C-alpha atoms as a PDB file:
ATOM      1  CA  GLY A   1      93.397  62.303  83.030  1.00  0.00           C
ATOM      2  CA  SER A   2      93.533  63.042  86.682  1.00  0.00           C
ATOM      3  CA  HIS A   3      95.666  66.187  86.719  1.00  0.00           C
ATOM      4  CA  LEU A   4      92.596  68.442  86.145  1.00  0.00           C
ATOM      5  CA  SER A   5      90.106  66.376  88.094  1.00  0.00           C
ATOM      6  CA  THR A   6      89.506  69.062  90.747  1.00  0.00           C
ATOM      7  CA  PHE A   7      89.717  72.021  88.361  1.00  0.00           C
ATOM      8  CA  ALA A   8      85.957  72.186  87.698  1.00  0.00           C
ATOM      9  CA  LYS A   9      85.236  72.123  91.440  1.00  0.00           C
ATOM     10  CA  PHE A  10      87.866  74.798  92.061  1.00  0.00           C
ATOM     11  CA  LEU A  11      86.499  76.990  89.258  1.00  0.00           C
ATOM     12  CA  ASN A  12      82.957  76.663  90.599  1.00  0.00           C
ATOM     13  CA  GLU A  13      84.080  77.610  94.107  1.00  0.00           C
ATOM     14  CA  GLU A  14      86.027  80.638  92.846  1.00  0.00           C
ATOM     15  CA  ALA A  15      83.001  81.803  90.838  1.00  0.00           C
ATOM     16  CA  ASN A  16      80.812  81.478  93.942  1.00  0.00           C
ATOM     17  CA  VAL A  17      83.272  83.474  96.066  1.00  0.00           C
ATOM     18  CA  LEU A  18      83.529  86.189  93.395  1.00  0.00           C
ATOM     19  CA  ALA A  19      79.733  86.335  93.277  1.00  0.00           C
ATOM     20  CA  GLY A  20      79.683  86.996  97.027  1.00  0.00           C
ATOM     21  CA  LYS A  21      78.335  83.628  98.068  1.00  0.00           C
ATOM     22  CA  THR A  22      79.479  81.882 101.209  1.00  0.00           C
ATOM     23  CA  ALA A  23      82.507  79.669 100.704  1.00  0.00           C
ATOM     24  CA  LEU A  24      81.853  75.924 100.609  1.00  0.00           C
ATOM     25  CA  ILE A  25      83.759  75.324 103.831  1.00  0.00           C
ATOM     26  CA  ASP A  26      81.555  77.891 105.641  1.00  0.00           C
ATOM     27  CA  ARG A  27      78.211  76.554 104.410  1.00  0.00           C
ATOM     28  CA  GLY A  28      78.090  73.815 107.041  1.00  0.00           C
ATOM     29  CA  LEU A  29      78.737  76.358 109.795  1.00  0.00           C
ATOM     30  CA  GLU A  30      76.106  78.623 108.261  1.00  0.00           C
ATOM     31  CA  GLY A  31      73.623  75.762 108.486  1.00  0.00           C
ATOM     32  CA  ILE A  32      74.312  75.475 112.215  1.00  0.00           C
ATOM     33  CA  LEU A  33      74.527  79.187 113.127  1.00  0.00           C
ATOM     34  CA  GLY A  34      72.186  80.644 110.545  1.00  0.00           C
ATOM     35  CA  ARG A  35      72.723  83.696 108.380  1.00  0.00           C
ATOM     36  CA  ARG A  36      72.649  86.125 111.313  1.00  0.00           C
ATOM     37  CA  GLY A  37      75.329  84.134 113.108  1.00  0.00           C
ATOM     38  CA  MET A  38      77.558  84.163 110.033  1.00  0.00           C
ATOM     39  CA  THR A  39      77.018  87.914 109.601  1.00  0.00           C
ATOM     40  CA  PHE A  40      78.028  88.434 113.234  1.00  0.00           C
ATOM     41  CA  LEU A  41      81.198  86.349 112.798  1.00  0.00           C
ATOM     42  CA  ASP A  42      82.059  88.148 109.551  1.00  0.00           C
ATOM     43  CA  THR A  43      81.637  91.558 111.211  1.00  0.00           C
ATOM     44  CA  LEU A  44      83.725  90.415 114.163  1.00  0.00           C
ATOM     45  CA  ASN A  45      86.451  89.190 111.795  1.00  0.00           C
ATOM     46  CA  LYS A  46      86.567  92.533 109.966  1.00  0.00           C
ATOM     47  CA  GLN A  47      86.622  94.526 113.208  1.00  0.00           C
ATOM     48  CA  VAL A  48      89.420  92.432 114.706  1.00  0.00           C
ATOM     49  CA  GLY A  49      91.478  92.924 111.540  1.00  0.00           C
ATOM     50  CA  SER A  50      90.827  96.647 111.587  1.00  0.00           C
ATOM     51  CA  ASN A  51      91.751  96.937 115.263  1.00  0.00           C
ATOM     52  CA  MET A  52      94.956  94.979 114.696  1.00  0.00           C
ATOM     53  CA  VAL A  53      96.044  97.750 112.352  1.00  0.00           C
ATOM     54  CA  GLY A  54      94.688 100.635 114.425  1.00  0.00           C
ATOM     55  CA  PHE A  55      95.981  99.505 117.797  1.00  0.00           C
ATOM     56  CA  ASN A  56      99.397  98.580 116.356  1.00  0.00           C
ATOM     57  CA  ILE A  57     101.999 101.248 117.156  1.00  0.00           C
ATOM     58  CA  SER A  58     104.290 100.190 114.312  1.00  0.00           C
ATOM     59  CA  SER A  59     101.442 100.669 111.822  1.00  0.00           C
ATOM     60  CA  SER A  60     101.042 104.229 113.075  1.00  0.00           C
ATOM     61  CA  LEU A  61     104.738 104.939 112.797  1.00  0.00           C
ATOM     62  CA  THR A  62     104.795 103.975 109.123  1.00  0.00           C
ATOM     63  CA  ASN A  63     103.063 107.308 108.473  1.00  0.00           C
ATOM     64  CA  PHE A  64     106.418 108.969 109.212  1.00  0.00           C
ATOM     65  CA  ILE A  65     107.938 107.431 106.065  1.00  0.00           C
ATOM     66  CA  PRO A  66     106.538 110.142 103.732  1.00  0.00           C
ATOM     67  CA  ILE A  67     108.238 112.758 105.936  1.00  0.00           C
ATOM     68  CA  THR A  68     111.604 111.193 105.145  1.00  0.00           C
ATOM     69  CA  GLN A  69     110.714 111.148 101.450  1.00  0.00           C
ATOM     70  CA  THR A  70     109.695 114.812 101.630  1.00  0.00           C
ATOM     71  CA  PHE A  71     112.941 115.740 103.341  1.00  0.00           C
ATOM     72  CA  ALA A  72     114.871 114.001 100.558  1.00  0.00           C
ATOM     73  CA  LYS A  73     112.897 115.541  97.682  1.00  0.00           C
ATOM     74  CA  THR A  74     112.408 119.162  98.797  1.00  0.00           C
ATOM     75  CA  ASN A  75     114.479 122.143  99.847  1.00  0.00           C
ATOM     76  CA  LYS A  76     115.843 121.650 103.381  1.00  0.00           C
ATOM     77  CA  PHE A  77     115.196 125.277 104.387  1.00  0.00           C
ATOM     78  CA  ASP A  78     111.547 124.922 103.371  1.00  0.00           C
ATOM     79  CA  PHE A  79     111.311 121.667 105.338  1.00  0.00           C
ATOM     80  CA  VAL A  80     112.706 123.237 108.532  1.00  0.00           C
ATOM     81  CA  LYS A  81     110.422 126.264 108.085  1.00  0.00           C
ATOM     82  CA  ALA A  82     107.407 123.968 107.596  1.00  0.00           C
ATOM     83  CA  PHE A  83     108.388 121.952 110.674  1.00  0.00           C
ATOM     84  CA  ALA A  84     108.502 125.135 112.785  1.00  0.00           C
ATOM     85  CA  GLN A  85     105.163 126.301 111.338  1.00  0.00           C
ATOM     86  CA  THR A  86     103.519 122.923 112.009  1.00  0.00           C
ATOM     87  CA  VAL A  87     104.722 122.753 115.619  1.00  0.00           C
ATOM     88  CA  SER A  88     103.702 126.362 116.223  1.00  0.00           C
ATOM     89  CA  ASN A  89     100.292 125.782 114.655  1.00  0.00           C
ATOM     90  CA  LYS A  90      99.641 122.649 116.716  1.00  0.00           C
ATOM     91  CA  PHE A  91     100.426 124.460 119.982  1.00  0.00           C
ATOM     92  CA  SER A  92      98.467 127.558 118.924  1.00  0.00           C
ATOM     93  CA  SER A  93      95.476 125.397 117.970  1.00  0.00           C
ATOM     94  CA  ILE A  94      95.200 124.275 121.578  1.00  0.00           C
ATOM     95  CA  TYR A  95      94.263 127.873 122.443  1.00  0.00           C
ATOM     96  CA  GLY A  96      92.136 128.314 119.314  1.00  0.00           C
ATOM     97  CA  LYS A  97      94.650 130.604 117.604  1.00  0.00           C
ATOM     98  CA  GLY A  98      96.037 128.326 114.877  1.00  0.00           C
ATOM     99  CA  ASP A  99      96.625 129.577 111.357  1.00  0.00           C
ATOM    100  CA  ASN A 100      94.229 128.648 108.539  1.00  0.00           C
ATOM    101  CA  PHE A 101      96.661 126.664 106.428  1.00  0.00           C
ATOM    102  CA  ALA A 102      94.953 123.315 107.060  1.00  0.00           C
ATOM    103  CA  GLU A 103      91.512 124.783 106.295  1.00  0.00           C
ATOM    104  CA  ASN A 104      92.824 126.146 102.972  1.00  0.00           C
ATOM    105  CA  SER A 105      94.555 122.944 101.903  1.00  0.00           C
ATOM    106  CA  PRO A 106      92.228 120.557 100.049  1.00  0.00           C
ATOM    107  CA  VAL A 107      94.447 117.516 100.626  1.00  0.00           C
ATOM    108  CA  ILE A 108      94.540 118.061 104.406  1.00  0.00           C
ATOM    109  CA  ILE A 109      90.767 118.468 104.497  1.00  0.00           C
ATOM    110  CA  ARG A 110      90.255 115.234 102.525  1.00  0.00           C
ATOM    111  CA  ARG A 111      92.720 113.244 104.629  1.00  0.00           C
ATOM    112  CA  LYS A 112      91.000 114.285 107.862  1.00  0.00           C
ATOM    113  CA  GLY A 113      87.691 113.051 106.488  1.00  0.00           C
ATOM    114  CA  ALA A 114      84.348 113.493 108.169  1.00  0.00           C
ATOM    115  CA  GLU A 115      82.840 112.005 111.282  1.00  0.00           C
ATOM    116  CA  ARG A 116      79.698 109.931 111.111  1.00  0.00           C
ATOM    117  CA  PHE A 117      76.648 111.601 112.579  1.00  0.00           C
ATOM    118  CA  TYR A 118      75.965 108.646 114.865  1.00  0.00           C
ATOM    119  CA  ARG A 119      78.521 106.234 116.259  1.00  0.00           C
ATOM    120  CA  THR A 120      77.748 103.207 118.391  1.00  0.00           C
ATOM    121  CA  PRO A 121      79.456 102.876 121.782  1.00  0.00           C
ATOM    122  CA  TYR A 122      81.552 100.048 120.292  1.00  0.00           C
ATOM    123  CA  GLN A 123      82.696 102.336 117.455  1.00  0.00           C
ATOM    124  CA  LYS A 124      83.526 105.085 119.941  1.00  0.00           C
ATOM    125  CA  ALA A 125      85.592 102.641 121.996  1.00  0.00           C
ATOM    126  CA  GLY A 126      87.406 101.481 118.861  1.00  0.00           C
ATOM    127  CA  ASP A 127      88.347 105.084 118.076  1.00  0.00           C
ATOM    128  CA  TRP A 128      90.786 105.032 120.986  1.00  0.00           C
ATOM    129  CA  GLY A 129      92.942 102.590 119.073  1.00  0.00           C
ATOM    130  CA  TYR A 130      93.283 105.019 116.207  1.00  0.00           C
ATOM    131  CA  VAL A 131      94.339 108.051 118.267  1.00  0.00           C
ATOM    132  CA  LEU A 132      98.067 107.555 117.638  1.00  0.00           C
ATOM    133  CA  MET A 133      97.555 106.734 113.962  1.00  0.00           C
ATOM    134  CA  GLY A 134      95.350 109.804 113.486  1.00  0.00           C
ATOM    135  CA  ALA A 135      97.814 112.093 115.276  1.00  0.00           C
ATOM    136  CA  VAL A 136     100.795 110.858 113.281  1.00  0.00           C
ATOM    137  CA  ASP A 137      98.846 111.122 110.015  1.00  0.00           C
ATOM    138  CA  ASP A 138      97.654 114.629 110.893  1.00  0.00           C
ATOM    139  CA  ILE A 139     101.148 115.878 111.716  1.00  0.00           C
ATOM    140  CA  SER A 140     102.737 114.154 108.717  1.00  0.00           C
ATOM    141  CA  THR A 141     100.167 115.465 106.259  1.00  0.00           C
ATOM    142  CA  GLU A 142     100.418 119.036 107.497  1.00  0.00           C
ATOM    143  CA  LEU A 143     104.232 119.001 107.591  1.00  0.00           C
ATOM    144  CA  ILE A 144     104.491 117.581 104.085  1.00  0.00           C
ATOM    145  CA  ALA A 145     101.887 119.961 102.656  1.00  0.00           C
ATOM    146  CA  ARG A 146     103.514 122.989 104.302  1.00  0.00           C
ATOM    147  CA  THR A 147     106.955 121.968 103.032  1.00  0.00           C
ATOM    148  CA  LYS A 148     105.856 121.730  99.413  1.00  0.00           C
ATOM    149  CA  TYR A 149     103.684 124.845  99.693  1.00  0.00           C
ATOM    150  CA  ASN A 150     106.622 126.833 101.149  1.00  0.00           C
ATOM    151  CA  GLU A 151     108.889 125.610  98.377  1.00  0.00           C
ATOM    152  CA  LEU A 152     106.444 126.565  95.643  1.00  0.00           C
ATOM    153  CA  THR A 153     105.605 130.007  97.052  1.00  0.00           C
ATOM    154  CA  ARG A 154     109.302 130.756  97.614  1.00  0.00           C
ATOM    155  CA  LYS A 155     109.845 130.057  93.919  1.00  0.00           C
ATOM    156  CA  GLY A 156     107.212 132.690  93.076  1.00  0.00           C
ATOM    157  CA  MET A 157     104.028 130.675  92.579  1.00  0.00           C
ATOM    158  CA  ASP A 158     100.772 132.335  93.660  1.00  0.00           C
ATOM    159  CA  GLU A 159      98.916 130.892  96.664  1.00  0.00           C
ATOM    160  CA  GLN A 160      96.024 129.269  94.802  1.00  0.00           C
ATOM    161  CA  THR A 161      98.261 127.522  92.281  1.00  0.00           C
ATOM    162  CA  ALA A 162     100.665 126.528  95.063  1.00  0.00           C
ATOM    163  CA  HIS A 163      97.799 124.884  96.981  1.00  0.00           C
ATOM    164  CA  PHE A 164      96.700 123.075  93.812  1.00  0.00           C
ATOM    165  CA  GLU A 165     100.209 121.786  93.037  1.00  0.00           C
ATOM    166  CA  THR A 166     100.806 120.886  96.696  1.00  0.00           C
ATOM    167  CA  ASP A 167      97.551 118.948  96.655  1.00  0.00           C
ATOM    168  CA  LYS A 168      98.694 116.877  93.668  1.00  0.00           C
ATOM    169  CA  TRP A 169     102.169 116.308  95.123  1.00  0.00           C
ATOM    170  CA  VAL A 170     100.958 115.197  98.568  1.00  0.00           C
ATOM    171  CA  SER A 171      98.302 112.967  96.980  1.00  0.00           C
ATOM    172  CA  ARG A 172     100.968 111.155  94.986  1.00  0.00           C
ATOM    173  CA  LEU A 173     103.312 110.856  97.952  1.00  0.00           C
ATOM    174  CA  MET A 174     100.865 109.803 100.685  1.00  0.00           C
ATOM    175  CA  GLY A 175      97.795 108.670  98.830  1.00  0.00           C
ATOM    176  CA  ASP A 176      94.497 110.444  98.678  1.00  0.00           C
ATOM    177  CA  ARG A 177      91.093 109.809 100.148  1.00  0.00           C
END
């Protein structure tokens, strides 16, 4: 009957999209603009979506949620101690005298990531939108890692094992890169 009359067309379109082909609705536009024009529009679409997240203050503030979870799941003394250590380290780092906790923590190193060797002027301009998100993520990650590390070392765990267990715990709580 007629209730599956468009199913074959739908299935074909879905297969084409999964295969990475241009959607049927975009093929007419591709004929007018050409492949380079479609690539430009696709890149623009991705960049606008990325900037909507990066430039959005509320998106940045969601990185504070794991701090609340850490406060609820760890010893409060260790949390307050980690908070004081993080604030002290951030101010000391301005003068180049910060401690080496972040450099010894694998999860903090991975979450900071690496810079590209070359960045276009457009990419450099887009980085300004991610300043708040990067700062909040940096502070949150260090505070959470220090809290768990303090808790584990206070309970008698050696430093290397404490870093390893902290790494696993933070990765589960915040996600890993």
